Amino acid sequence: MKKHVENPPDEIAKAIQWGAGILGIPCDDIRVEFAMDEYAENKAFLRGTKPFEIVLNMNPLAHLNRSNLTETIFHELTHIAQILLGRLQLKTGYMLWFGRPIMTPESHRAYLSLPYEVEARSYARELNRLYKLSLLGERRKFIAPNSSLKDT
């Protein structure tokens, strides 16, 4: 049973708005497709550009907590920022990272070591930490972990 939600739940929309603001991404450039599918793996990916579509396929029966969900959202938002800044360019069958071609790897392990994925995971962890603090009323400055997309 797959349930598509036209507008994401408030919790997701709030995290997207917060993360987009930190990364300097216009919210008008982002659309979200949120689906609950008890037979799917938890997955998130980008589809299209301007507007960017963040596709979140979530299995309600799988262990997924708020922190995992928001970190996933921030990971995908980081990819949008990488694209908007021209650091990452999407091509058919490969990507350009700072103008250098990177072929799509065959193994999951190799995929995880791609530089734009390493950066997205690093940013997502830091953004998630700051987001949790913001929910507690604390404001902290985002300092990019290893390279600067935007200092806010």
N, C-alpha and C. Protein backbone atom coordinates (compact mmCIF):
# COMPACT_ATOMS: atom_id res chain seq x y z
N MET A 1 0.84 -1.17 0.00
CA MET A 1 0.00 0.00 0.00
C MET A 1 0.90 1.24 0.00
N LYS A 2 0.78 2.04 -1.00
CA LYS A 2 1.59 3.25 -1.10
C LYS A 2 0.68 4.45 -0.93
N LYS A 3 1.08 5.33 -0.09
CA LYS A 3 0.29 6.54 0.16
C LYS A 3 1.15 7.74 -0.21
N HIS A 4 0.73 8.47 -1.21
CA HIS A 4 1.44 9.69 -1.59
C HIS A 4 0.80 10.87 -0.89
N VAL A 5 1.61 11.75 -0.42
CA VAL A 5 1.14 12.94 0.27
C VAL A 5 1.54 14.14 -0.58
N GLU A 6 0.56 14.91 -1.03
CA GLU A 6 0.84 16.07 -1.89
C GLU A 6 1.71 17.08 -1.17
N ASN A 7 1.30 17.46 0.00
CA ASN A 7 2.09 18.38 0.82
C ASN A 7 2.72 17.59 1.95
N PRO A 8 4.02 17.77 2.16
CA PRO A 8 4.67 16.99 3.22
C PRO A 8 4.13 17.39 4.59
N PRO A 9 4.22 16.49 5.56
CA PRO A 9 3.81 16.84 6.92
C PRO A 9 4.56 18.09 7.41
N ASP A 10 3.94 18.82 8.32
CA ASP A 10 4.51 20.07 8.82
C ASP A 10 5.95 19.91 9.31
N GLU A 11 6.24 18.81 9.96
CA GLU A 11 7.58 18.57 10.49
C GLU A 11 8.62 18.56 9.37
N ILE A 12 8.28 17.94 8.25
CA ILE A 12 9.19 17.89 7.10
C ILE A 12 9.30 19.26 6.46
N ALA A 13 8.16 19.92 6.28
CA ALA A 13 8.17 21.25 5.66
C ALA A 13 8.99 22.23 6.49
N LYS A 14 8.88 22.14 7.80
CA LYS A 14 9.64 23.03 8.69
C LYS A 14 11.14 22.79 8.56
N ALA A 15 11.55 21.52 8.51
CA ALA A 15 12.97 21.19 8.38
C ALA A 15 13.51 21.66 7.02
N ILE A 16 12.72 21.51 5.97
CA ILE A 16 13.14 21.95 4.64
C ILE A 16 13.31 23.47 4.62
N GLN A 17 12.33 24.18 5.17
CA GLN A 17 12.41 25.64 5.19
C GLN A 17 13.64 26.10 5.99
N TRP A 18 13.87 25.50 7.12
CA TRP A 18 15.02 25.87 7.95
C TRP A 18 16.33 25.59 7.21
N GLY A 19 16.49 24.37 6.70
CA GLY A 19 17.71 23.98 6.01
C GLY A 19 17.96 24.80 4.76
N ALA A 20 16.90 25.05 3.99
CA ALA A 20 17.04 25.86 2.78
C ALA A 20 17.50 27.26 3.13
N GLY A 21 16.97 27.81 4.21
CA GLY A 21 17.39 29.15 4.64
C GLY A 21 18.86 29.19 5.02
N ILE A 22 19.31 28.19 5.73
CA ILE A 22 20.72 28.13 6.14
C ILE A 22 21.63 28.03 4.92
N LEU A 23 21.22 27.22 3.94
CA LEU A 23 22.06 26.98 2.76
C LEU A 23 21.83 28.01 1.65
N GLY A 24 20.89 28.93 1.86
CA GLY A 24 20.65 29.98 0.86
C GLY A 24 19.92 29.49 -0.38
N ILE A 25 19.05 28.50 -0.20
CA ILE A 25 18.29 27.95 -1.32
C ILE A 25 16.88 28.55 -1.29
N PRO A 26 16.43 29.16 -2.41
CA PRO A 26 15.05 29.66 -2.44
C PRO A 26 14.06 28.51 -2.30
N CYS A 27 13.15 28.61 -1.35
CA CYS A 27 12.17 27.54 -1.13
C CYS A 27 11.28 27.33 -2.36
N ASP A 28 11.11 28.36 -3.18
CA ASP A 28 10.29 28.21 -4.39
C ASP A 28 10.91 27.22 -5.36
N ASP A 29 12.21 26.94 -5.22
CA ASP A 29 12.91 26.01 -6.11
C ASP A 29 12.78 24.56 -5.65
N ILE A 30 12.05 24.31 -4.56
CA ILE A 30 12.00 22.97 -3.98
C ILE A 30 10.57 22.46 -3.94
N ARG A 31 10.38 21.25 -4.42
CA ARG A 31 9.11 20.53 -4.28
C ARG A 31 9.44 19.23 -3.56
N VAL A 32 8.47 18.72 -2.81
CA VAL A 32 8.70 17.49 -2.07
C VAL A 32 7.62 16.48 -2.44
N GLU A 33 8.04 15.28 -2.76
CA GLU A 33 7.11 14.18 -2.93
C GLU A 33 7.35 13.24 -1.76
N PHE A 34 6.34 13.06 -0.97
CA PHE A 34 6.46 12.24 0.24
C PHE A 34 5.54 11.04 0.09
N ALA A 35 6.08 9.85 0.21
CA ALA A 35 5.26 8.64 0.07
C ALA A 35 5.55 7.69 1.23
N MET A 36 4.50 7.10 1.73
CA MET A 36 4.63 6.06 2.74
C MET A 36 4.34 4.74 2.04
N ASP A 37 5.28 3.81 2.11
CA ASP A 37 5.14 2.54 1.42
C ASP A 37 5.69 1.45 2.34
N GLU A 38 4.81 0.59 2.82
CA GLU A 38 5.26 -0.43 3.77
C GLU A 38 6.13 -1.50 3.13
N TYR A 39 6.25 -1.51 1.82
CA TYR A 39 7.09 -2.48 1.13
C TYR A 39 8.40 -1.88 0.62
N ALA A 40 8.59 -0.60 0.82
CA ALA A 40 9.78 0.09 0.27
C ALA A 40 10.89 0.17 1.32
N GLU A 41 12.09 0.35 0.80
CA GLU A 41 13.20 0.71 1.66
C GLU A 41 13.08 2.22 1.88
N ASN A 42 13.62 2.69 3.00
CA ASN A 42 13.66 4.13 3.19
C ASN A 42 14.64 4.70 2.18
N LYS A 43 14.19 5.62 1.35
CA LYS A 43 15.03 6.20 0.32
C LYS A 43 14.72 7.66 0.15
N ALA A 44 15.71 8.38 -0.26
CA ALA A 44 15.51 9.78 -0.61
C ALA A 44 16.44 10.07 -1.78
N PHE A 45 15.96 10.89 -2.71
CA PHE A 45 16.80 11.26 -3.83
C PHE A 45 16.26 12.53 -4.46
N LEU A 46 17.09 13.15 -5.28
CA LEU A 46 16.68 14.33 -6.02
C LEU A 46 16.22 13.91 -7.40
N ARG A 47 15.23 14.64 -7.91
CA ARG A 47 14.76 14.41 -9.27
C ARG A 47 14.49 15.79 -9.88
N GLY A 48 15.07 16.03 -11.04
CA GLY A 48 14.82 17.28 -11.74
C GLY A 48 15.57 18.45 -11.16
N THR A 49 15.50 19.55 -11.88
CA THR A 49 16.11 20.80 -11.42
C THR A 49 15.16 21.94 -11.70
N LYS A 50 15.10 22.85 -10.79
CA LYS A 50 14.30 24.07 -10.87
C LYS A 50 12.89 23.84 -11.41
N PRO A 51 11.94 23.38 -10.69
CA PRO A 51 12.13 23.12 -9.28
C PRO A 51 12.80 21.78 -9.03
N PHE A 52 13.60 21.74 -7.97
CA PHE A 52 14.18 20.48 -7.53
C PHE A 52 13.10 19.70 -6.82
N GLU A 53 13.07 18.42 -7.03
CA GLU A 53 12.12 17.58 -6.32
C GLU A 53 12.89 16.66 -5.39
N ILE A 54 12.59 16.77 -4.12
CA ILE A 54 13.14 15.82 -3.15
C ILE A 54 12.09 14.73 -2.99
N VAL A 55 12.46 13.52 -3.34
CA VAL A 55 11.55 12.40 -3.24
C VAL A 55 11.91 11.62 -1.99
N LEU A 56 10.96 11.53 -1.08
CA LEU A 56 11.15 10.79 0.17
C LEU A 56 10.20 9.59 0.16
N ASN A 57 10.73 8.40 0.01
CA ASN A 57 9.94 7.17 0.09
C ASN A 57 10.23 6.54 1.44
N MET A 58 9.28 6.57 2.31
CA MET A 58 9.50 6.11 3.67
C MET A 58 8.63 4.89 3.97
N ASN A 59 9.23 3.93 4.63
CA ASN A 59 8.51 2.75 5.08
C ASN A 59 8.09 2.99 6.53
N PRO A 60 6.78 3.12 6.78
CA PRO A 60 6.34 3.41 8.15
C PRO A 60 6.63 2.29 9.13
N LEU A 61 6.92 1.09 8.62
CA LEU A 61 7.20 -0.04 9.49
C LEU A 61 8.68 -0.14 9.84
N ALA A 62 9.53 0.57 9.10
CA ALA A 62 10.97 0.54 9.35
C ALA A 62 11.31 1.50 10.48
N HIS A 63 12.43 1.23 11.10
CA HIS A 63 12.87 2.10 12.19
C HIS A 63 13.39 3.41 11.59
N LEU A 64 12.65 4.46 11.78
CA LEU A 64 13.07 5.77 11.29
C LEU A 64 12.63 6.79 12.32
N ASN A 65 13.59 7.48 12.88
CA ASN A 65 13.23 8.49 13.86
C ASN A 65 13.35 9.88 13.24
N ARG A 66 12.92 10.88 13.97
CA ARG A 66 12.93 12.25 13.48
C ARG A 66 14.33 12.70 13.07
N SER A 67 15.32 12.32 13.85
CA SER A 67 16.69 12.74 13.56
C SER A 67 17.16 12.16 12.22
N ASN A 68 16.86 10.89 11.95
CA ASN A 68 17.24 10.28 10.67
C ASN A 68 16.53 10.99 9.52
N LEU A 69 15.27 11.29 9.70
CA LEU A 69 14.49 11.93 8.64
C LEU A 69 15.03 13.33 8.33
N THR A 70 15.26 14.14 9.36
CA THR A 70 15.76 15.49 9.10
C THR A 70 17.17 15.45 8.54
N GLU A 71 18.00 14.51 8.98
CA GLU A 71 19.35 14.42 8.43
C GLU A 71 19.29 14.05 6.94
N THR A 72 18.35 13.19 6.57
CA THR A 72 18.16 12.83 5.16
C THR A 72 17.73 14.05 4.35
N ILE A 73 16.83 14.84 4.89
CA ILE A 73 16.39 16.06 4.22
C ILE A 73 17.57 17.01 4.02
N PHE A 74 18.37 17.20 5.05
CA PHE A 74 19.52 18.11 4.94
C PHE A 74 20.57 17.58 3.95
N HIS A 75 20.69 16.27 3.86
CA HIS A 75 21.60 15.67 2.87
C HIS A 75 21.16 16.06 1.45
N GLU A 76 19.88 15.90 1.17
CA GLU A 76 19.37 16.24 -0.17
C GLU A 76 19.44 17.75 -0.43
N LEU A 77 19.18 18.56 0.59
CA LEU A 77 19.30 20.01 0.43
C LEU A 77 20.74 20.41 0.13
N THR A 78 21.70 19.70 0.72
CA THR A 78 23.10 19.98 0.42
C THR A 78 23.40 19.72 -1.05
N HIS A 79 22.83 18.65 -1.60
CA HIS A 79 23.02 18.40 -3.03
C HIS A 79 22.43 19.54 -3.87
N ILE A 80 21.29 20.07 -3.47
CA ILE A 80 20.70 21.19 -4.20
C ILE A 80 21.64 22.39 -4.15
N ALA A 81 22.20 22.67 -2.98
CA ALA A 81 23.14 23.79 -2.85
C ALA A 81 24.37 23.55 -3.72
N GLN A 82 24.88 22.31 -3.74
CA GLN A 82 26.03 21.99 -4.58
C GLN A 82 25.72 22.28 -6.05
N ILE A 83 24.53 21.93 -6.49
CA ILE A 83 24.12 22.14 -7.88
C ILE A 83 23.96 23.63 -8.17
N LEU A 84 23.28 24.34 -7.29
CA LEU A 84 23.04 25.78 -7.51
C LEU A 84 24.34 26.57 -7.56
N LEU A 85 25.35 26.13 -6.82
CA LEU A 85 26.64 26.81 -6.82
C LEU A 85 27.56 26.34 -7.95
N GLY A 86 27.10 25.36 -8.75
CA GLY A 86 27.88 24.88 -9.87
C GLY A 86 28.99 23.92 -9.50
N ARG A 87 29.04 23.53 -8.25
CA ARG A 87 30.06 22.57 -7.81
C ARG A 87 29.75 21.17 -8.34
N LEU A 88 28.47 20.83 -8.36
CA LEU A 88 28.00 19.53 -8.83
C LEU A 88 27.11 19.76 -10.04
N GLN A 89 27.41 19.07 -11.11
CA GLN A 89 26.58 19.15 -12.31
C GLN A 89 26.11 17.75 -12.67
N LEU A 90 24.82 17.62 -12.92
CA LEU A 90 24.24 16.33 -13.25
C LEU A 90 24.29 16.11 -14.75
N LYS A 91 24.86 15.01 -15.15
CA LYS A 91 24.94 14.63 -16.56
C LYS A 91 24.36 13.22 -16.69
N THR A 92 24.10 12.77 -17.90
CA THR A 92 23.59 11.42 -18.10
C THR A 92 24.73 10.42 -17.91
N GLY A 93 24.60 9.58 -16.89
CA GLY A 93 25.60 8.54 -16.64
C GLY A 93 26.80 8.96 -15.81
N TYR A 94 26.92 10.25 -15.54
CA TYR A 94 28.04 10.72 -14.73
C TYR A 94 27.72 12.09 -14.14
N MET A 95 28.58 12.54 -13.26
CA MET A 95 28.46 13.86 -12.64
C MET A 95 29.76 14.62 -12.89
N LEU A 96 29.66 15.93 -12.80
CA LEU A 96 30.86 16.75 -12.78
C LEU A 96 30.97 17.33 -11.38
N TRP A 97 32.10 17.14 -10.75
CA TRP A 97 32.37 17.69 -9.42
C TRP A 97 33.53 18.66 -9.59
N PHE A 98 33.24 19.95 -9.42
CA PHE A 98 34.22 21.00 -9.68
C PHE A 98 34.80 20.85 -11.09
N GLY A 99 33.93 20.50 -12.04
CA GLY A 99 34.33 20.39 -13.45
C GLY A 99 34.99 19.09 -13.84
N ARG A 100 35.28 18.23 -12.86
CA ARG A 100 35.92 16.94 -13.17
C ARG A 100 34.86 15.85 -13.27
N PRO A 101 34.89 15.05 -14.35
CA PRO A 101 33.89 13.98 -14.49
C PRO A 101 34.08 12.88 -13.45
N ILE A 102 32.97 12.44 -12.89
CA ILE A 102 32.97 11.32 -11.95
C ILE A 102 31.90 10.35 -12.43
N MET A 103 32.32 9.16 -12.78
CA MET A 103 31.39 8.15 -13.27
C MET A 103 30.56 7.59 -12.12
N THR A 104 29.34 7.20 -12.41
CA THR A 104 28.48 6.59 -11.42
C THR A 104 29.04 5.20 -11.08
N PRO A 105 29.40 4.97 -9.83
CA PRO A 105 30.02 3.69 -9.48
C PRO A 105 29.00 2.55 -9.46
N GLU A 106 29.52 1.35 -9.55
CA GLU A 106 28.65 0.17 -9.55
C GLU A 106 28.35 -0.32 -8.13
N SER A 107 29.26 -0.10 -7.21
CA SER A 107 29.05 -0.61 -5.85
C SER A 107 28.56 0.50 -4.92
N HIS A 108 27.81 0.09 -3.92
CA HIS A 108 27.31 1.04 -2.92
C HIS A 108 28.47 1.64 -2.13
N ARG A 109 29.46 0.82 -1.86
CA ARG A 109 30.62 1.29 -1.10
C ARG A 109 31.34 2.41 -1.85
N ALA A 110 31.53 2.22 -3.16
CA ALA A 110 32.19 3.25 -3.99
C ALA A 110 31.32 4.50 -4.05
N TYR A 111 30.00 4.31 -4.12
CA TYR A 111 29.07 5.44 -4.14
C TYR A 111 29.23 6.29 -2.88
N LEU A 112 29.36 5.64 -1.75
CA LEU A 112 29.48 6.36 -0.48
C LEU A 112 30.76 7.18 -0.39
N SER A 113 31.78 6.82 -1.18
CA SER A 113 33.04 7.56 -1.12
C SER A 113 33.13 8.69 -2.17
N LEU A 114 32.08 8.88 -2.96
CA LEU A 114 32.09 10.00 -3.92
C LEU A 114 32.20 11.31 -3.15
N PRO A 115 33.01 12.25 -3.62
CA PRO A 115 33.25 13.47 -2.84
C PRO A 115 31.99 14.28 -2.54
N TYR A 116 31.05 14.33 -3.47
CA TYR A 116 29.83 15.10 -3.19
C TYR A 116 28.92 14.38 -2.20
N GLU A 117 29.02 13.06 -2.11
CA GLU A 117 28.27 12.31 -1.11
C GLU A 117 28.91 12.45 0.27
N VAL A 118 30.23 12.41 0.31
CA VAL A 118 30.95 12.60 1.57
C VAL A 118 30.61 13.97 2.13
N GLU A 119 30.66 15.00 1.28
CA GLU A 119 30.35 16.35 1.72
C GLU A 119 28.89 16.45 2.18
N ALA A 120 27.97 15.86 1.43
CA ALA A 120 26.55 15.94 1.81
C ALA A 120 26.29 15.27 3.15
N ARG A 121 26.93 14.14 3.41
CA ARG A 121 26.74 13.49 4.72
C ARG A 121 27.31 14.34 5.84
N SER A 122 28.47 14.94 5.59
CA SER A 122 29.11 15.79 6.60
C SER A 122 28.24 17.00 6.91
N TYR A 123 27.77 17.68 5.87
CA TYR A 123 26.91 18.84 6.07
C TYR A 123 25.61 18.45 6.77
N ALA A 124 25.03 17.32 6.33
CA ALA A 124 23.75 16.89 6.90
C ALA A 124 23.87 16.63 8.40
N ARG A 125 24.97 16.00 8.81
CA ARG A 125 25.16 15.76 10.26
C ARG A 125 25.22 17.07 11.03
N GLU A 126 26.01 18.04 10.51
CA GLU A 126 26.15 19.32 11.20
C GLU A 126 24.85 20.11 11.18
N LEU A 127 24.18 20.14 10.04
CA LEU A 127 22.89 20.84 9.96
C LEU A 127 21.87 20.20 10.89
N ASN A 128 21.87 18.89 10.97
CA ASN A 128 20.93 18.20 11.85
C ASN A 128 21.19 18.54 13.31
N ARG A 129 22.46 18.60 13.68
CA ARG A 129 22.82 18.98 15.05
C ARG A 129 22.32 20.39 15.37
N LEU A 130 22.56 21.31 14.44
CA LEU A 130 22.12 22.70 14.65
C LEU A 130 20.60 22.82 14.64
N TYR A 131 19.94 22.04 13.80
CA TYR A 131 18.48 22.07 13.75
C TYR A 131 17.89 21.62 15.08
N LYS A 132 18.44 20.55 15.64
CA LYS A 132 17.95 20.08 16.94
C LYS A 132 18.13 21.16 18.01
N LEU A 133 19.28 21.84 17.97
CA LEU A 133 19.50 22.94 18.92
C LEU A 133 18.50 24.07 18.70
N SER A 134 18.19 24.35 17.42
CA SER A 134 17.25 25.43 17.13
C SER A 134 15.85 25.10 17.66
N LEU A 135 15.50 23.82 17.66
CA LEU A 135 14.20 23.41 18.20
C LEU A 135 14.15 23.63 19.71
N LEU A 136 15.32 23.66 20.34
CA LEU A 136 15.40 23.92 21.77
C LEU A 136 15.56 25.41 22.07
N GLY A 137 15.54 26.21 21.01
CA GLY A 137 15.65 27.66 21.18
C GLY A 137 17.06 28.21 21.08
N GLU A 138 18.03 27.36 20.81
CA GLU A 138 19.41 27.84 20.68
C GLU A 138 19.70 28.19 19.23
N ARG A 139 20.48 29.26 19.04
CA ARG A 139 20.90 29.64 17.68
C ARG A 139 22.41 29.53 17.62
N ARG A 140 22.87 28.81 16.63
CA ARG A 140 24.31 28.65 16.41
C ARG A 140 24.60 28.93 14.95
N LYS A 141 25.80 29.35 14.67
CA LYS A 141 26.23 29.63 13.31
C LYS A 141 26.62 28.34 12.61
N PHE A 142 26.18 28.20 11.35
CA PHE A 142 26.58 27.04 10.55
C PHE A 142 27.93 27.34 9.93
N ILE A 143 28.89 26.52 10.26
CA ILE A 143 30.22 26.61 9.65
C ILE A 143 30.41 25.30 8.91
N ALA A 144 30.56 25.39 7.60
CA ALA A 144 30.69 24.20 6.77
C ALA A 144 31.83 23.33 7.29
N PRO A 145 31.59 22.04 7.46
CA PRO A 145 32.60 21.15 8.03
C PRO A 145 33.93 21.10 7.29
N ASN A 146 33.91 21.05 5.94
CA ASN A 146 35.18 20.89 5.24
C ASN A 146 35.37 21.86 4.08
N SER A 147 34.32 22.43 3.59
CA SER A 147 34.42 23.45 2.55
C SER A 147 33.15 24.28 2.66
N SER A 148 33.20 25.49 2.22
CA SER A 148 32.11 26.40 2.51
C SER A 148 31.11 26.50 1.35
N LEU A 149 29.92 26.00 1.58
CA LEU A 149 28.82 26.30 0.67
C LEU A 149 28.32 27.69 1.00
N LYS A 150 28.09 27.91 2.28
CA LYS A 150 27.62 29.22 2.72
C LYS A 150 27.82 29.29 4.22
N ASP A 151 28.36 30.38 4.69
CA ASP A 151 28.46 30.61 6.14
C ASP A 151 27.29 31.46 6.55
N THR A 152 26.49 30.95 7.45
CA THR A 152 25.33 31.69 7.93
C THR A 152 25.34 31.71 9.43
